[in-house]
């Protein structure tokens, strides 16, 4: 298996074919069907992440298959819970996960990406432009707590810094929006501690990572 190599010089060994093959061979396990043109666009996005990763540390080093499954296909499990024409907020998206893969896969969706780290926000704006998503996505370079919740019906979060610590404020900030958070045992424990009723779905290829769906 080839691996994505993040060299200190910024040079990236990118194996596009392995990424595409991994999407095609693993999508059934995630109950997702991605068209060939969409897979090509996802591969373009993957390449953008790899180019910027040595400087911005958007994701940890991983093989093309790991990126395809752990980042792209996992993100696309969100689609089942987003009705037609949904506008959603993605809190702390970093590399643009899960929002950018979802926007690539479904043109009826739109999103507000709230990323407090300035350099990552710059990357997100560039990725949105290069992936032809400028009409579907807006980037706000602030902490979510510094702004009023945008006009969205759903809020998602996949890898926010100090997620559990920020959870109470994030839930309150989200108001009546449907919440779709990725997490593991710590998030489950915190939700149960707060007597929050939730649904959860185990992520394929994982024994402890879930997508939690709940509302305030």
Protein backbone atom coordinates (compact mmCIF):
# COMPACT_ATOMS: atom_id res chain seq x y z
CA UNK A 1 0.00 0.00 0.00
CA UNK A 2 1.31 3.46 -0.89
CA UNK A 3 1.38 6.16 1.75
CA UNK A 4 0.94 9.91 1.66
CA UNK A 5 4.32 11.30 2.59
CA UNK A 6 4.38 14.74 4.20
CA UNK A 7 8.01 15.78 3.74
CA UNK A 8 9.50 18.58 5.79
CA UNK A 9 10.35 20.40 2.54
CA UNK A 10 6.66 20.50 1.70
CA UNK A 11 6.96 17.99 -1.11
CA UNK A 12 4.08 15.51 -1.20
CA UNK A 13 3.99 12.10 -2.78
CA UNK A 14 0.40 11.86 -3.93
CA UNK A 15 -1.11 8.65 -5.23
CA UNK A 16 -4.39 9.73 -6.76
CA UNK A 17 -5.22 6.32 -8.18
CA UNK A 18 -5.01 4.65 -4.77
CA UNK A 19 -7.33 7.24 -3.25
CA UNK A 20 -9.90 6.76 -6.02
CA UNK A 21 -9.67 2.97 -5.75
CA UNK A 22 -10.16 3.20 -1.98
CA UNK A 23 -13.32 5.30 -2.37
CA UNK A 24 -14.75 2.81 -4.86
CA UNK A 25 -13.88 -0.29 -2.85
CA UNK A 26 -15.02 1.04 0.53
CA UNK A 27 -18.11 3.10 -0.25
CA UNK A 28 -20.48 0.14 -0.01
CA UNK A 29 -19.39 -0.47 3.60
CA UNK A 30 -20.47 3.10 4.38
CA UNK A 31 -23.75 2.64 2.48
CA UNK A 32 -22.72 5.41 0.13
CA UNK A 33 -22.69 5.49 -3.67
CA UNK A 34 -20.44 8.13 -5.21
CA UNK A 35 -20.42 8.81 -8.94
CA UNK A 36 -17.15 8.78 -10.88
CA UNK A 37 -17.22 12.55 -11.57
CA UNK A 38 -17.76 13.21 -7.86
CA UNK A 39 -14.89 10.88 -6.95
CA UNK A 40 -12.62 12.84 -9.30
CA UNK A 41 -13.60 16.09 -7.56
CA UNK A 42 -12.99 14.50 -4.16
CA UNK A 43 -9.56 13.44 -5.40
CA UNK A 44 -8.87 17.06 -6.44
CA UNK A 45 -9.78 18.14 -2.92
CA UNK A 46 -7.55 15.44 -1.44
CA UNK A 47 -4.66 16.79 -3.47
CA UNK A 48 -5.25 20.30 -2.13
CA UNK A 49 -5.11 18.98 1.44
CA UNK A 50 -1.87 17.13 0.76
CA UNK A 51 -0.25 20.20 -0.77
CA UNK A 52 -0.96 22.36 2.29
CA UNK A 53 -0.63 19.73 4.99
CA UNK A 54 3.12 20.01 5.67
CA UNK A 55 2.68 23.63 6.75
CA UNK A 56 -0.85 23.71 8.18
CA UNK A 57 -1.11 20.21 9.71
CA UNK A 58 -4.66 19.83 8.47
CA UNK A 59 -4.75 16.05 9.02
CA UNK A 60 -2.36 13.47 10.43
CA UNK A 61 -0.14 11.46 8.06
CA UNK A 62 -2.16 8.65 6.50
CA UNK A 63 -2.39 6.38 3.51
CA UNK A 64 -4.71 7.23 0.61
CA UNK A 65 -7.08 4.50 1.81
CA UNK A 66 -7.09 5.91 5.35
CA UNK A 67 -7.88 9.38 4.08
CA UNK A 68 -10.62 7.99 1.82
CA UNK A 69 -12.29 6.05 4.62
CA UNK A 70 -11.52 7.92 7.84
CA UNK A 71 -11.97 11.41 6.42
CA UNK A 72 -13.95 11.40 3.17
CA UNK A 73 -16.39 8.50 3.50
CA UNK A 74 -16.93 9.14 7.19
CA UNK A 75 -17.79 12.76 6.35
CA UNK A 76 -20.24 11.62 3.69
CA UNK A 77 -22.25 9.61 6.24
CA UNK A 78 -23.59 13.01 7.24
CA UNK A 79 -25.57 13.22 3.98
CA UNK A 80 -28.24 10.81 5.15
CA UNK A 81 -29.24 13.26 7.87
CA UNK A 82 -29.30 16.41 5.72
CA UNK A 83 -32.64 16.97 3.94
CA UNK A 84 -32.77 18.53 0.48
CA UNK A 85 -31.54 22.15 0.37
CA UNK A 86 -30.16 22.04 3.92
CA UNK A 87 -27.93 24.91 5.02
CA UNK A 88 -25.64 23.82 7.84
CA UNK A 89 -22.78 25.13 9.96
CA UNK A 90 -19.50 23.25 10.31
CA UNK A 91 -17.65 24.17 13.51
CA UNK A 92 -13.85 23.89 13.49
CA UNK A 93 -13.63 22.18 10.08
CA UNK A 94 -9.83 22.45 9.79
CA UNK A 95 -9.23 20.84 6.41
CA UNK A 96 -12.90 21.27 5.54
CA UNK A 97 -14.22 18.08 7.07
CA UNK A 98 -17.02 17.08 6.95
CA UNK A 99 -18.46 20.03 5.01
CA UNK A 100 -16.40 20.17 1.80
CA UNK A 101 -16.87 16.48 0.84
CA UNK A 102 -20.62 16.86 1.50
CA UNK A 103 -20.83 19.98 -0.66
CA UNK A 104 -18.93 18.24 -3.45
CA UNK A 105 -21.29 15.27 -3.31
CA UNK A 106 -24.56 17.27 -3.06
CA UNK A 107 -25.06 20.52 -4.93
CA UNK A 108 -28.34 21.23 -3.12
CA UNK A 109 -26.49 21.78 0.17
CA UNK A 110 -24.88 24.97 1.44
CA UNK A 111 -22.69 25.58 4.46
CA UNK A 112 -21.05 28.10 6.75
CA UNK A 113 -17.57 26.96 7.83
CA UNK A 114 -16.55 28.52 11.15
CA UNK A 115 -12.79 28.19 11.59
CA UNK A 116 -10.96 30.26 14.20
CA UNK A 117 -7.41 29.58 12.98
CA UNK A 118 -6.63 32.23 10.37
CA UNK A 119 -4.28 30.18 8.20
CA UNK A 120 -6.72 27.29 8.04
CA UNK A 121 -9.49 29.72 7.15
CA UNK A 122 -7.34 30.98 4.27
CA UNK A 123 -6.85 27.37 3.12
CA UNK A 124 -10.60 26.75 3.31
CA UNK A 125 -11.38 29.78 1.16
CA UNK A 126 -8.86 28.65 -1.42
CA UNK A 127 -10.14 25.07 -1.40
CA UNK A 128 -13.73 26.24 -1.77
CA UNK A 129 -12.75 28.35 -4.77
CA UNK A 130 -10.69 25.61 -6.43
CA UNK A 131 -13.39 23.00 -5.84
CA UNK A 132 -16.01 25.27 -7.48
CA UNK A 133 -18.01 25.62 -4.24
CA UNK A 134 -17.94 29.42 -3.92
CA UNK A 135 -21.70 29.70 -4.40
CA UNK A 136 -22.35 27.07 -1.72
CA UNK A 137 -19.98 27.88 1.12
CA UNK A 138 -18.91 30.79 3.32
CA UNK A 139 -15.94 30.83 5.71
CA UNK A 140 -16.02 32.81 8.96
CA UNK A 141 -12.64 33.12 10.72
CA UNK A 142 -13.89 33.45 14.29
CA UNK A 143 -14.57 31.30 17.32
CA UNK A 144 -18.15 30.09 17.14
CA UNK A 145 -18.81 31.72 20.51
CA UNK A 146 -17.81 35.14 19.10
CA UNK A 147 -20.61 35.24 16.54
CA UNK A 148 -24.33 34.74 16.38
CA UNK A 149 -25.40 31.40 14.97
CA UNK A 150 -25.89 31.79 11.19
CA UNK A 151 -29.24 31.05 9.61
CA UNK A 152 -28.81 27.26 9.48
CA UNK A 153 -30.99 24.29 10.36
CA UNK A 154 -28.15 21.88 11.23
CA UNK A 155 -24.82 22.19 13.04
CA UNK A 156 -22.03 19.65 12.68
CA UNK A 157 -18.65 19.24 14.32
CA UNK A 158 -16.01 16.60 13.72
CA UNK A 159 -12.78 17.63 15.41
CA UNK A 160 -13.17 20.85 17.38
CA UNK A 161 -10.35 21.65 19.82
CA UNK A 162 -11.37 20.85 23.41
CA UNK A 163 -14.63 19.44 22.06
CA UNK A 164 -16.00 18.08 25.35
CA UNK A 165 -15.09 21.28 27.21
CA UNK A 166 -16.82 23.38 24.55
CA UNK A 167 -19.84 21.10 24.21
CA UNK A 168 -22.23 22.95 26.59
CA UNK A 169 -21.54 26.30 24.94
CA UNK A 170 -21.80 24.80 21.47
CA UNK A 171 -25.15 23.18 22.21
CA UNK A 172 -26.50 26.44 23.66
CA UNK A 173 -25.13 28.42 20.71
CA UNK A 174 -26.83 26.07 18.25
CA UNK A 175 -30.26 26.91 19.62
CA UNK A 176 -32.93 24.71 18.06
CA UNK A 177 -30.74 23.43 15.22
CA UNK A 178 -30.29 19.70 14.74
CA UNK A 179 -26.86 18.64 15.98
CA UNK A 180 -24.71 16.10 14.14
CA UNK A 181 -21.46 15.50 16.01
CA UNK A 182 -18.77 12.91 15.36
CA UNK A 183 -17.14 11.42 18.43
CA UNK A 184 -16.44 8.45 20.64
CA UNK A 185 -16.94 7.27 24.22
CA UNK A 186 -16.08 10.65 25.77
CA UNK A 187 -18.84 12.40 23.82
CA UNK A 188 -21.31 9.61 24.62
CA UNK A 189 -20.47 9.90 28.33
CA UNK A 190 -20.89 13.67 28.30
CA UNK A 191 -24.26 13.52 26.54
CA UNK A 192 -25.53 10.93 29.01
CA UNK A 193 -24.19 12.97 31.94
CA UNK A 194 -26.34 15.84 30.70
CA UNK A 195 -29.36 13.59 30.09
CA UNK A 196 -29.34 14.36 26.38
CA UNK A 197 -31.37 11.96 24.25
CA UNK A 198 -29.51 11.03 21.10
CA UNK A 199 -29.30 8.64 18.19
CA UNK A 200 -25.94 7.30 17.13
CA UNK A 201 -24.47 5.42 14.22
CA UNK A 202 -21.24 3.45 14.43
CA UNK A 203 -18.76 4.37 11.74
CA UNK A 204 -17.68 1.47 9.51
CA UNK A 205 -14.10 0.27 10.11
CA UNK A 206 -14.33 1.51 13.71
CA UNK A 207 -15.30 0.04 17.06
CA UNK A 208 -15.74 3.29 18.96
CA UNK A 209 -16.36 6.22 16.62
CA UNK A 210 -19.94 7.36 16.06
CA UNK A 211 -22.07 10.02 14.45
CA UNK A 212 -24.38 11.37 17.17
CA UNK A 213 -27.65 13.06 16.23
CA UNK A 214 -29.57 15.10 18.80
CA UNK A 215 -31.11 18.50 19.47
CA UNK A 216 -31.34 20.80 22.45
